[in-house]
Each structure stands twice: as C-alpha cells, then as structure tokens.
Amino acid sequence: MTGNSWSREELESAYRHWHNTVNRAGAGEGSWRDFLELFTDDVVYREQMAGVLNGKEEIWSWAEPSLVQFPGSHTVSFPEHFHLVDEARGVVVAKLDNVMADPGDGSVWAAPHVSILTYAGDGKFSGQEDVYDIGSFLGLIKAWGRRAMELGTFDAAQRGWFEQVYPESVPRPAGR
C-alpha cells in the first residue's frame, strides 16, 4: 500500500480524463503531447516493446515515432471493455481495444491491451504499464496492411514502411 488514498470520484475523474485524452489523440482531435501532460515529471512507463521509460521525454521519444507516425498513427480509438479502481492504492486497471482506421471497406480491426495506471494526485499519474500480446499486435498490423493494400487505400509512404518491415506482405507487380 502506498500510504495514500484518494476518493473513487477523484480516481474515476482522472481515469476518464486519461481515457478521453488518449481517444482524442488517436482520433486526431488532440495531440499525443497532451498525453504526456497526464503524468508527473518522474513518471515510470512500462511498455512491452519499448521497455521501461523514465520521465516524460523518454515517453515522448517512444511515443512520437510509435504513435504519431505510421502505423501507430492509424490506431484511431481505444474503446473500453472495463476498468477497475483501487482507491486504497490509487490504481486504475483498464482493458481497452486498440482500433485501427478503417482500411477502406468498413471493417473493424482491433487488438486488446490492459493499462495499469498509478495515480499521484492532482489529476496526474506517476506510472503506466501496458500489457498486451505482442504477436497479436504485430499480426493485426500485418493483416490490416494487407487488407488496405488489397483495397488500394495505402499511400506510397505506408507501402514503403511495409516494404521495409514486412516485405513478404507487399504484393509485387506481375513479372517481378
């Protein structure tokens, strides 16, 4: 136990603000820089592929290429399955989906993750840990990209990213 406790209302309000900020950034209605403002300066962020990130600038060093650029920029919403609040410890656990942009046929492509948020007071969090199946996320991106390529909704930069990361998934013109 941390020795701190907050009211359920305060924790719910901080979580709702976090969730709204993440969804606004994903939808392009806000900035991922706004996401950084949800945290204390000494935040510890645990991200499965990036490792342990200490402080806002380390988070931004991961977030900017991961969330602002393709393919992360095509994660457009994070609908909630559920969230749990532990007032005594100041922890919120949320299961969310990472939903990709429509590839062009109206289909929904998503993979779940769990975020564990440690509250620090004053509407800010001192920690976040994201837990997800890395294979499912990579498979989602690959399958979504194949579908977008089939539909012709990829631009040259996106195709170039896939040619570098998943060259086997990029169709080649006949005769090549």
N, C-alpha and C. Protein backbone atom coordinates (compact mmCIF):
# COMPACT_ATOMS: atom_id res chain seq x y z
N MET A 1 0.83 -1.17 0.00
CA MET A 1 0.00 0.00 0.00
C MET A 1 0.88 1.24 0.00
N THR A 2 0.49 2.25 -0.72
CA THR A 2 1.31 3.44 -0.88
C THR A 2 1.21 4.40 0.30
N GLY A 3 0.19 4.25 1.17
CA GLY A 3 0.00 5.20 2.25
C GLY A 3 -0.91 6.35 1.83
N ASN A 4 -1.19 6.45 0.57
CA ASN A 4 -2.11 7.46 0.04
C ASN A 4 -3.43 6.79 -0.29
N SER A 5 -4.48 7.57 -0.21
CA SER A 5 -5.74 7.08 -0.75
C SER A 5 -6.50 8.27 -1.29
N TRP A 6 -7.20 8.01 -2.32
CA TRP A 6 -7.98 9.05 -2.98
C TRP A 6 -9.41 8.57 -3.07
N SER A 7 -10.29 9.50 -3.25
CA SER A 7 -11.69 9.12 -3.39
C SER A 7 -11.90 8.43 -4.73
N ARG A 8 -12.89 7.59 -4.76
CA ARG A 8 -13.25 6.92 -6.02
C ARG A 8 -13.56 7.98 -7.08
N GLU A 9 -14.23 9.04 -6.69
CA GLU A 9 -14.60 10.10 -7.64
C GLU A 9 -13.36 10.74 -8.27
N GLU A 10 -12.33 11.01 -7.45
CA GLU A 10 -11.10 11.61 -7.98
C GLU A 10 -10.41 10.65 -8.95
N LEU A 11 -10.32 9.37 -8.57
CA LEU A 11 -9.68 8.38 -9.44
C LEU A 11 -10.48 8.20 -10.73
N GLU A 12 -11.79 8.14 -10.63
CA GLU A 12 -12.63 8.00 -11.83
C GLU A 12 -12.46 9.21 -12.74
N SER A 13 -12.43 10.40 -12.16
CA SER A 13 -12.26 11.62 -12.95
C SER A 13 -10.91 11.63 -13.67
N ALA A 14 -9.85 11.27 -12.94
CA ALA A 14 -8.51 11.23 -13.56
C ALA A 14 -8.46 10.18 -14.67
N TYR A 15 -9.07 9.02 -14.43
CA TYR A 15 -9.09 7.98 -15.45
C TYR A 15 -9.88 8.44 -16.68
N ARG A 16 -11.04 9.01 -16.47
CA ARG A 16 -11.86 9.48 -17.60
C ARG A 16 -11.09 10.51 -18.42
N HIS A 17 -10.38 11.40 -17.74
CA HIS A 17 -9.58 12.41 -18.45
C HIS A 17 -8.47 11.72 -19.27
N TRP A 18 -7.81 10.74 -18.66
CA TRP A 18 -6.77 9.97 -19.36
C TRP A 18 -7.38 9.29 -20.59
N HIS A 19 -8.50 8.58 -20.39
CA HIS A 19 -9.13 7.85 -21.50
C HIS A 19 -9.59 8.80 -22.60
N ASN A 20 -10.20 9.91 -22.25
CA ASN A 20 -10.64 10.90 -23.26
C ASN A 20 -9.45 11.49 -24.00
N THR A 21 -8.36 11.76 -23.29
CA THR A 21 -7.16 12.32 -23.93
C THR A 21 -6.56 11.35 -24.93
N VAL A 22 -6.48 10.07 -24.55
CA VAL A 22 -5.94 9.04 -25.45
C VAL A 22 -6.84 8.90 -26.69
N ASN A 23 -8.14 8.89 -26.49
CA ASN A 23 -9.05 8.77 -27.63
C ASN A 23 -9.01 10.00 -28.53
N ARG A 24 -8.90 11.18 -27.94
CA ARG A 24 -8.81 12.41 -28.76
C ARG A 24 -7.52 12.41 -29.58
N ALA A 25 -6.41 11.98 -28.97
CA ALA A 25 -5.14 11.93 -29.71
C ALA A 25 -5.23 10.92 -30.84
N GLY A 26 -5.78 9.74 -30.56
CA GLY A 26 -5.90 8.72 -31.59
C GLY A 26 -6.78 9.17 -32.74
N ALA A 27 -7.84 9.91 -32.43
CA ALA A 27 -8.78 10.38 -33.46
C ALA A 27 -8.26 11.60 -34.21
N GLY A 28 -7.11 12.14 -33.79
CA GLY A 28 -6.57 13.32 -34.45
C GLY A 28 -7.22 14.61 -33.97
N GLU A 29 -8.00 14.55 -32.89
CA GLU A 29 -8.67 15.73 -32.35
C GLU A 29 -7.84 16.38 -31.24
N GLY A 30 -6.80 15.70 -30.83
CA GLY A 30 -5.89 16.20 -29.80
C GLY A 30 -4.49 15.78 -30.19
N SER A 31 -3.57 15.98 -29.28
CA SER A 31 -2.17 15.67 -29.55
C SER A 31 -1.67 14.60 -28.59
N TRP A 32 -0.74 13.78 -29.05
CA TRP A 32 -0.09 12.85 -28.13
C TRP A 32 0.76 13.60 -27.13
N ARG A 33 1.12 14.85 -27.41
CA ARG A 33 1.81 15.67 -26.42
C ARG A 33 0.90 15.92 -25.22
N ASP A 34 -0.44 16.04 -25.49
CA ASP A 34 -1.41 16.20 -24.40
C ASP A 34 -1.36 14.98 -23.47
N PHE A 35 -1.09 13.82 -24.03
CA PHE A 35 -0.97 12.58 -23.27
C PHE A 35 0.13 12.72 -22.22
N LEU A 36 1.25 13.34 -22.58
CA LEU A 36 2.37 13.50 -21.64
C LEU A 36 1.97 14.31 -20.42
N GLU A 37 1.04 15.26 -20.62
CA GLU A 37 0.63 16.13 -19.52
C GLU A 37 -0.21 15.41 -18.48
N LEU A 38 -0.58 14.16 -18.75
CA LEU A 38 -1.34 13.36 -17.78
C LEU A 38 -0.44 12.78 -16.69
N PHE A 39 0.88 12.95 -16.85
CA PHE A 39 1.85 12.29 -15.99
C PHE A 39 2.68 13.28 -15.18
N THR A 40 3.20 12.79 -14.05
CA THR A 40 4.17 13.55 -13.28
C THR A 40 5.49 13.58 -14.05
N ASP A 41 6.36 14.51 -13.69
CA ASP A 41 7.65 14.61 -14.39
C ASP A 41 8.49 13.35 -14.22
N ASP A 42 8.35 12.67 -13.08
CA ASP A 42 9.16 11.48 -12.79
C ASP A 42 8.42 10.17 -13.09
N VAL A 43 7.47 10.22 -13.98
CA VAL A 43 6.67 9.05 -14.33
C VAL A 43 7.55 7.87 -14.76
N VAL A 44 7.10 6.67 -14.43
CA VAL A 44 7.72 5.44 -14.92
C VAL A 44 6.68 4.74 -15.78
N TYR A 45 7.00 4.56 -17.05
CA TYR A 45 6.07 3.98 -18.02
C TYR A 45 6.69 2.67 -18.50
N ARG A 46 5.94 1.59 -18.35
CA ARG A 46 6.41 0.28 -18.81
C ARG A 46 5.63 -0.10 -20.05
N GLU A 47 6.35 -0.26 -21.15
CA GLU A 47 5.74 -0.61 -22.43
C GLU A 47 6.45 -1.85 -22.91
N GLN A 48 5.70 -2.89 -23.25
CA GLN A 48 6.29 -4.20 -23.51
C GLN A 48 7.38 -4.20 -24.57
N MET A 49 7.21 -3.48 -25.65
CA MET A 49 8.24 -3.50 -26.69
C MET A 49 9.31 -2.44 -26.46
N ALA A 50 8.97 -1.33 -25.80
CA ALA A 50 9.93 -0.25 -25.58
C ALA A 50 10.71 -0.40 -24.28
N GLY A 51 10.17 -1.19 -23.34
CA GLY A 51 10.83 -1.36 -22.06
C GLY A 51 10.36 -0.33 -21.04
N VAL A 52 11.24 0.00 -20.09
CA VAL A 52 10.91 0.96 -19.04
C VAL A 52 11.34 2.35 -19.50
N LEU A 53 10.39 3.27 -19.49
CA LEU A 53 10.64 4.65 -19.89
C LEU A 53 10.51 5.53 -18.67
N ASN A 54 11.54 6.30 -18.38
CA ASN A 54 11.57 7.15 -17.18
C ASN A 54 11.43 8.61 -17.57
N GLY A 55 10.36 9.24 -17.13
CA GLY A 55 10.14 10.65 -17.40
C GLY A 55 9.44 10.90 -18.72
N LYS A 56 8.88 12.11 -18.81
CA LYS A 56 8.07 12.47 -19.98
C LYS A 56 8.86 12.45 -21.29
N GLU A 57 10.11 12.89 -21.26
CA GLU A 57 10.87 12.95 -22.51
C GLU A 57 11.19 11.56 -23.05
N GLU A 58 11.46 10.60 -22.16
CA GLU A 58 11.67 9.23 -22.63
C GLU A 58 10.37 8.66 -23.20
N ILE A 59 9.24 9.01 -22.58
CA ILE A 59 7.97 8.57 -23.13
C ILE A 59 7.78 9.17 -24.51
N TRP A 60 8.08 10.46 -24.66
CA TRP A 60 7.90 11.10 -25.96
C TRP A 60 8.84 10.51 -27.00
N SER A 61 10.04 10.15 -26.60
CA SER A 61 10.99 9.54 -27.54
C SER A 61 10.45 8.23 -28.10
N TRP A 62 9.63 7.54 -27.31
CA TRP A 62 8.96 6.33 -27.78
C TRP A 62 7.67 6.69 -28.52
N ALA A 63 6.85 7.57 -27.93
CA ALA A 63 5.52 7.86 -28.45
C ALA A 63 5.56 8.53 -29.81
N GLU A 64 6.47 9.47 -30.01
CA GLU A 64 6.48 10.22 -31.27
C GLU A 64 6.62 9.29 -32.48
N PRO A 65 7.62 8.41 -32.52
CA PRO A 65 7.67 7.52 -33.69
C PRO A 65 6.62 6.41 -33.64
N SER A 66 6.21 6.00 -32.44
CA SER A 66 5.29 4.86 -32.33
C SER A 66 3.84 5.24 -32.54
N LEU A 67 3.42 6.41 -32.06
CA LEU A 67 2.02 6.78 -32.10
C LEU A 67 1.69 7.88 -33.11
N VAL A 68 2.65 8.75 -33.37
CA VAL A 68 2.40 9.88 -34.27
C VAL A 68 2.63 9.48 -35.73
N GLN A 69 3.56 8.56 -35.95
CA GLN A 69 3.89 8.14 -37.30
C GLN A 69 3.20 6.81 -37.62
N PHE A 70 3.16 6.44 -38.89
CA PHE A 70 2.57 5.19 -39.35
C PHE A 70 3.40 4.02 -38.80
N PRO A 71 2.81 2.93 -38.34
CA PRO A 71 1.40 2.56 -38.35
C PRO A 71 0.63 3.00 -37.11
N GLY A 72 1.34 3.45 -36.05
CA GLY A 72 0.64 3.87 -34.84
C GLY A 72 -0.35 4.98 -35.07
N SER A 73 -0.06 5.83 -36.04
CA SER A 73 -0.97 6.94 -36.35
C SER A 73 -2.31 6.44 -36.89
N HIS A 74 -2.38 5.18 -37.26
CA HIS A 74 -3.62 4.59 -37.76
C HIS A 74 -4.40 3.85 -36.67
N THR A 75 -3.94 3.96 -35.42
CA THR A 75 -4.73 3.49 -34.29
C THR A 75 -5.58 4.68 -33.88
N VAL A 76 -6.88 4.59 -34.14
CA VAL A 76 -7.74 5.76 -34.06
C VAL A 76 -8.65 5.83 -32.83
N SER A 77 -8.82 4.73 -32.12
CA SER A 77 -9.63 4.79 -30.91
C SER A 77 -9.27 3.65 -29.97
N PHE A 78 -9.69 3.84 -28.72
CA PHE A 78 -9.35 2.91 -27.65
C PHE A 78 -10.60 2.65 -26.81
N PRO A 79 -11.61 1.99 -27.39
CA PRO A 79 -12.82 1.74 -26.61
C PRO A 79 -12.54 0.82 -25.42
N GLU A 80 -13.26 1.08 -24.36
CA GLU A 80 -13.05 0.37 -23.10
C GLU A 80 -13.91 -0.89 -23.02
N HIS A 81 -13.29 -1.97 -22.59
CA HIS A 81 -14.03 -3.18 -22.20
C HIS A 81 -14.53 -2.99 -20.77
N PHE A 82 -13.59 -2.58 -19.88
CA PHE A 82 -13.93 -2.33 -18.48
C PHE A 82 -12.76 -1.62 -17.83
N HIS A 83 -13.00 -1.07 -16.63
CA HIS A 83 -11.91 -0.59 -15.80
C HIS A 83 -12.26 -0.87 -14.34
N LEU A 84 -11.21 -1.02 -13.53
CA LEU A 84 -11.32 -1.30 -12.10
C LEU A 84 -10.55 -0.23 -11.35
N VAL A 85 -11.07 0.17 -10.19
CA VAL A 85 -10.44 1.21 -9.40
C VAL A 85 -10.12 0.68 -8.01
N ASP A 86 -8.87 0.88 -7.58
CA ASP A 86 -8.45 0.53 -6.22
C ASP A 86 -8.14 1.85 -5.52
N GLU A 87 -9.10 2.33 -4.73
CA GLU A 87 -8.93 3.63 -4.06
C GLU A 87 -7.76 3.64 -3.08
N ALA A 88 -7.58 2.55 -2.34
CA ALA A 88 -6.54 2.50 -1.30
C ALA A 88 -5.14 2.61 -1.90
N ARG A 89 -4.94 2.03 -3.07
CA ARG A 89 -3.61 2.05 -3.70
C ARG A 89 -3.48 3.11 -4.78
N GLY A 90 -4.59 3.70 -5.17
CA GLY A 90 -4.53 4.72 -6.21
C GLY A 90 -4.20 4.13 -7.56
N VAL A 91 -4.79 2.98 -7.87
CA VAL A 91 -4.51 2.28 -9.12
C VAL A 91 -5.80 2.09 -9.91
N VAL A 92 -5.70 2.30 -11.21
CA VAL A 92 -6.79 2.03 -12.13
C VAL A 92 -6.28 1.03 -13.16
N VAL A 93 -7.04 -0.02 -13.38
CA VAL A 93 -6.70 -1.03 -14.38
C VAL A 93 -7.80 -1.00 -15.43
N ALA A 94 -7.41 -0.83 -16.69
CA ALA A 94 -8.39 -0.73 -17.76
C ALA A 94 -8.03 -1.68 -18.90
N LYS A 95 -9.04 -2.39 -19.40
CA LYS A 95 -8.86 -3.19 -20.60
C LYS A 95 -9.50 -2.43 -21.75
N LEU A 96 -8.69 -2.14 -22.76
CA LEU A 96 -9.12 -1.35 -23.91
C LEU A 96 -8.79 -2.09 -25.20
N ASP A 97 -9.46 -1.72 -26.26
CA ASP A 97 -9.08 -2.18 -27.59
C ASP A 97 -8.28 -1.08 -28.28
N ASN A 98 -7.29 -1.46 -29.06
CA ASN A 98 -6.60 -0.54 -29.96
C ASN A 98 -7.23 -0.77 -31.33
N VAL A 99 -8.00 0.19 -31.80
CA VAL A 99 -8.74 0.04 -33.05
C VAL A 99 -8.02 0.79 -34.16
N MET A 100 -7.75 0.06 -35.25
CA MET A 100 -7.10 0.66 -36.41
C MET A 100 -8.14 1.40 -37.26
N ALA A 101 -7.67 2.34 -38.08
CA ALA A 101 -8.53 3.06 -39.01
C ALA A 101 -9.17 2.07 -39.99
N ASP A 102 -10.32 2.42 -40.45
CA ASP A 102 -11.00 1.62 -41.47
C ASP A 102 -10.06 1.50 -42.68
N PRO A 103 -9.74 0.29 -43.11
CA PRO A 103 -8.84 0.13 -44.26
C PRO A 103 -9.51 0.50 -45.58
N GLY A 104 -10.81 0.76 -45.56
CA GLY A 104 -11.50 1.18 -46.77
C GLY A 104 -12.74 0.38 -47.10
N ASP A 105 -13.05 -0.61 -46.27
CA ASP A 105 -14.23 -1.45 -46.55
C ASP A 105 -15.22 -1.47 -45.39
N GLY A 106 -15.00 -0.60 -44.40
CA GLY A 106 -15.90 -0.55 -43.24
C GLY A 106 -15.61 -1.57 -42.17
N SER A 107 -14.58 -2.39 -42.34
CA SER A 107 -14.26 -3.43 -41.36
C SER A 107 -13.55 -2.82 -40.14
N VAL A 108 -13.66 -3.52 -39.02
CA VAL A 108 -13.03 -3.08 -37.77
C VAL A 108 -11.88 -4.03 -37.45
N TRP A 109 -10.72 -3.47 -37.22
CA TRP A 109 -9.51 -4.23 -36.91
C TRP A 109 -9.01 -3.75 -35.55
N ALA A 110 -8.90 -4.65 -34.59
CA ALA A 110 -8.52 -4.24 -33.23
C ALA A 110 -7.79 -5.36 -32.49
N ALA A 111 -7.03 -4.96 -31.48
CA ALA A 111 -6.39 -5.89 -30.55
C ALA A 111 -6.47 -5.27 -29.16
N PRO A 112 -6.69 -6.10 -28.14
CA PRO A 112 -6.84 -5.57 -26.78
C PRO A 112 -5.50 -5.36 -26.07
N HIS A 113 -5.56 -4.46 -25.10
CA HIS A 113 -4.44 -4.31 -24.17
C HIS A 113 -5.00 -3.92 -22.80
N VAL A 114 -4.17 -4.05 -21.78
CA VAL A 114 -4.52 -3.65 -20.43
C VAL A 114 -3.54 -2.55 -20.03
N SER A 115 -4.07 -1.44 -19.51
CA SER A 115 -3.23 -0.37 -18.96
C SER A 115 -3.44 -0.33 -17.46
N ILE A 116 -2.34 -0.32 -16.74
CA ILE A 116 -2.35 -0.21 -15.28
C ILE A 116 -1.79 1.17 -14.95
N LEU A 117 -2.64 2.02 -14.37
CA LEU A 117 -2.29 3.41 -14.09
C LEU A 117 -2.13 3.62 -12.59
N THR A 118 -1.01 4.22 -12.18
CA THR A 118 -0.77 4.53 -10.78
C THR A 118 -0.97 6.02 -10.58
N TYR A 119 -1.92 6.36 -9.74
CA TYR A 119 -2.30 7.75 -9.54
C TYR A 119 -1.36 8.45 -8.57
N ALA A 120 -1.08 9.74 -8.84
CA ALA A 120 -0.18 10.53 -8.00
C ALA A 120 -0.89 11.72 -7.35
N GLY A 121 -2.15 11.94 -7.71
CA GLY A 121 -2.86 13.09 -7.19
C GLY A 121 -2.89 14.23 -8.20
N ASP A 122 -3.74 15.19 -7.96
CA ASP A 122 -3.87 16.37 -8.82
C ASP A 122 -4.12 16.03 -10.28
N GLY A 123 -4.82 14.92 -10.53
CA GLY A 123 -5.19 14.54 -11.89
C GLY A 123 -4.06 13.91 -12.69
N LYS A 124 -2.93 13.61 -12.05
CA LYS A 124 -1.78 13.06 -12.78
C LYS A 124 -1.43 11.65 -12.30
N PHE A 125 -0.79 10.92 -13.21
CA PHE A 125 -0.36 9.56 -12.92
C PHE A 125 1.16 9.52 -12.83
N SER A 126 1.68 8.71 -11.91
CA SER A 126 3.13 8.55 -11.76
C SER A 126 3.63 7.28 -12.43
N GLY A 127 2.69 6.47 -12.96
CA GLY A 127 3.10 5.25 -13.62
C GLY A 127 2.02 4.74 -14.56
N GLN A 128 2.48 4.09 -15.60
CA GLN A 128 1.59 3.36 -16.50
C GLN A 128 2.34 2.13 -16.98
N GLU A 129 1.62 1.02 -17.02
CA GLU A 129 2.16 -0.21 -17.58
C GLU A 129 1.15 -0.74 -18.57
N ASP A 130 1.60 -0.97 -19.79
CA ASP A 130 0.74 -1.53 -20.84
C ASP A 130 1.10 -2.98 -21.04
N VAL A 131 0.08 -3.84 -21.00
CA VAL A 131 0.27 -5.28 -21.13
C VAL A 131 -0.58 -5.76 -22.31
N TYR A 132 0.07 -6.46 -23.24
CA TYR A 132 -0.64 -6.96 -24.42
C TYR A 132 0.16 -8.10 -25.04
N ASP A 133 -0.49 -8.80 -25.92
CA ASP A 133 0.14 -9.89 -26.66
C ASP A 133 0.84 -9.28 -27.88
N ILE A 134 2.15 -9.23 -27.83
CA ILE A 134 2.93 -8.60 -28.90
C ILE A 134 2.64 -9.27 -30.24
N GLY A 135 2.56 -10.59 -30.27
CA GLY A 135 2.27 -11.31 -31.52
C GLY A 135 0.93 -10.91 -32.11
N SER A 136 -0.07 -10.73 -31.26
CA SER A 136 -1.39 -10.30 -31.76
C SER A 136 -1.32 -8.92 -32.37
N PHE A 137 -0.58 -8.01 -31.72
CA PHE A 137 -0.47 -6.64 -32.25
C PHE A 137 0.26 -6.64 -33.59
N LEU A 138 1.36 -7.35 -33.67
CA LEU A 138 2.11 -7.39 -34.93
C LEU A 138 1.29 -8.07 -36.03
N GLY A 139 0.57 -9.13 -35.67
CA GLY A 139 -0.31 -9.80 -36.63
C GLY A 139 -1.43 -8.89 -37.10
N LEU A 140 -1.98 -8.09 -36.18
CA LEU A 140 -3.03 -7.14 -36.54
C LEU A 140 -2.52 -6.13 -37.57
N ILE A 141 -1.38 -5.56 -37.31
CA ILE A 141 -0.83 -4.55 -38.23
C ILE A 141 -0.57 -5.17 -39.61
N LYS A 142 0.00 -6.35 -39.61
CA LYS A 142 0.31 -7.02 -40.87
C LYS A 142 -0.97 -7.34 -41.66
N ALA A 143 -1.96 -7.92 -40.99
CA ALA A 143 -3.22 -8.27 -41.67
C ALA A 143 -3.97 -7.03 -42.13
N TRP A 144 -3.99 -6.00 -41.28
CA TRP A 144 -4.65 -4.74 -41.64
C TRP A 144 -3.97 -4.13 -42.87
N GLY A 145 -2.64 -4.15 -42.89
CA GLY A 145 -1.90 -3.60 -44.02
C GLY A 145 -2.18 -4.35 -45.31
N ARG A 146 -2.23 -5.68 -45.23
CA ARG A 146 -2.55 -6.46 -46.42
C ARG A 146 -3.92 -6.07 -46.96
N ARG A 147 -4.88 -5.91 -46.04
CA ARG A 147 -6.24 -5.55 -46.48
C ARG A 147 -6.26 -4.15 -47.10
N ALA A 148 -5.57 -3.21 -46.51
CA ALA A 148 -5.52 -1.85 -47.07
C ALA A 148 -4.84 -1.86 -48.45
N MET A 149 -3.82 -2.69 -48.60
CA MET A 149 -3.17 -2.80 -49.92
C MET A 149 -4.12 -3.40 -50.94
N GLU A 150 -4.87 -4.44 -50.55
CA GLU A 150 -5.86 -5.05 -51.45
C GLU A 150 -6.88 -4.02 -51.91
N LEU A 151 -7.27 -3.14 -51.00
CA LEU A 151 -8.29 -2.14 -51.30
C LEU A 151 -7.72 -0.91 -52.00
N GLY A 152 -6.40 -0.80 -52.05
CA GLY A 152 -5.76 0.34 -52.71
C GLY A 152 -5.84 1.63 -51.89
N THR A 153 -5.96 1.50 -50.57
CA THR A 153 -6.08 2.69 -49.73
C THR A 153 -4.76 3.11 -49.09
N PHE A 154 -3.68 2.46 -49.44
CA PHE A 154 -2.35 2.80 -48.92
C PHE A 154 -1.76 3.92 -49.76
N ASP A 155 -1.01 4.82 -49.10
CA ASP A 155 -0.23 5.78 -49.87
C ASP A 155 1.20 5.24 -50.01
N ALA A 156 2.03 5.96 -50.74
CA ALA A 156 3.39 5.47 -51.02
C ALA A 156 4.22 5.32 -49.75
N ALA A 157 4.07 6.23 -48.80
CA ALA A 157 4.84 6.16 -47.56
C ALA A 157 4.46 4.92 -46.75
N GLN A 158 3.18 4.63 -46.68
CA GLN A 158 2.73 3.46 -45.94
C GLN A 158 3.22 2.18 -46.61
N ARG A 159 3.13 2.14 -47.91
CA ARG A 159 3.63 0.98 -48.65
C ARG A 159 5.13 0.81 -48.42
N GLY A 160 5.85 1.92 -48.42
CA GLY A 160 7.29 1.88 -48.18
C GLY A 160 7.62 1.33 -46.80
N TRP A 161 6.83 1.71 -45.78
CA TRP A 161 7.02 1.18 -44.44
C TRP A 161 6.84 -0.33 -44.46
N PHE A 162 5.78 -0.81 -45.12
CA PHE A 162 5.53 -2.26 -45.19
C PHE A 162 6.62 -2.96 -45.98
N GLU A 163 7.13 -2.35 -47.01
CA GLU A 163 8.22 -2.96 -47.79
C GLU A 163 9.46 -3.16 -46.93
N GLN A 164 9.69 -2.24 -45.98
CA GLN A 164 10.84 -2.36 -45.09
C GLN A 164 10.59 -3.36 -43.96
N VAL A 165 9.42 -3.30 -43.35
CA VAL A 165 9.14 -4.09 -42.14
C VAL A 165 8.59 -5.47 -42.46
N TYR A 166 7.67 -5.54 -43.39
CA TYR A 166 7.01 -6.80 -43.77
C TYR A 166 7.08 -6.99 -45.29
N PRO A 167 8.27 -7.12 -45.85
CA PRO A 167 8.38 -7.19 -47.32
C PRO A 167 7.59 -8.35 -47.92
N GLU A 168 7.45 -9.44 -47.17
CA GLU A 168 6.72 -10.60 -47.68
C GLU A 168 5.23 -10.32 -47.84
N SER A 169 4.72 -9.26 -47.21
CA SER A 169 3.29 -8.98 -47.28
C SER A 169 2.93 -8.00 -48.39
N VAL A 170 3.93 -7.45 -49.06
CA VAL A 170 3.67 -6.46 -50.10
C VAL A 170 3.58 -7.15 -51.45
N PRO A 171 2.41 -7.05 -52.11
CA PRO A 171 2.27 -7.68 -53.43
C PRO A 171 3.24 -7.06 -54.43
N ARG A 172 3.78 -7.87 -55.26
CA ARG A 172 4.70 -7.42 -56.31
C ARG A 172 3.95 -7.38 -57.63
N PRO A 173 4.26 -6.41 -58.47
CA PRO A 173 3.63 -6.39 -59.80
C PRO A 173 3.98 -7.65 -60.57
N ALA A 174 3.08 -8.06 -61.45
CA ALA A 174 3.32 -9.25 -62.29
C ALA A 174 4.63 -9.10 -63.05
N GLY A 175 5.39 -10.18 -63.13
CA GLY A 175 6.65 -10.18 -63.87
C GLY A 175 7.86 -9.78 -63.03
N ARG A 176 7.67 -9.47 -61.74
CA ARG A 176 8.79 -9.10 -60.85
C ARG A 176 9.17 -10.19 -59.93
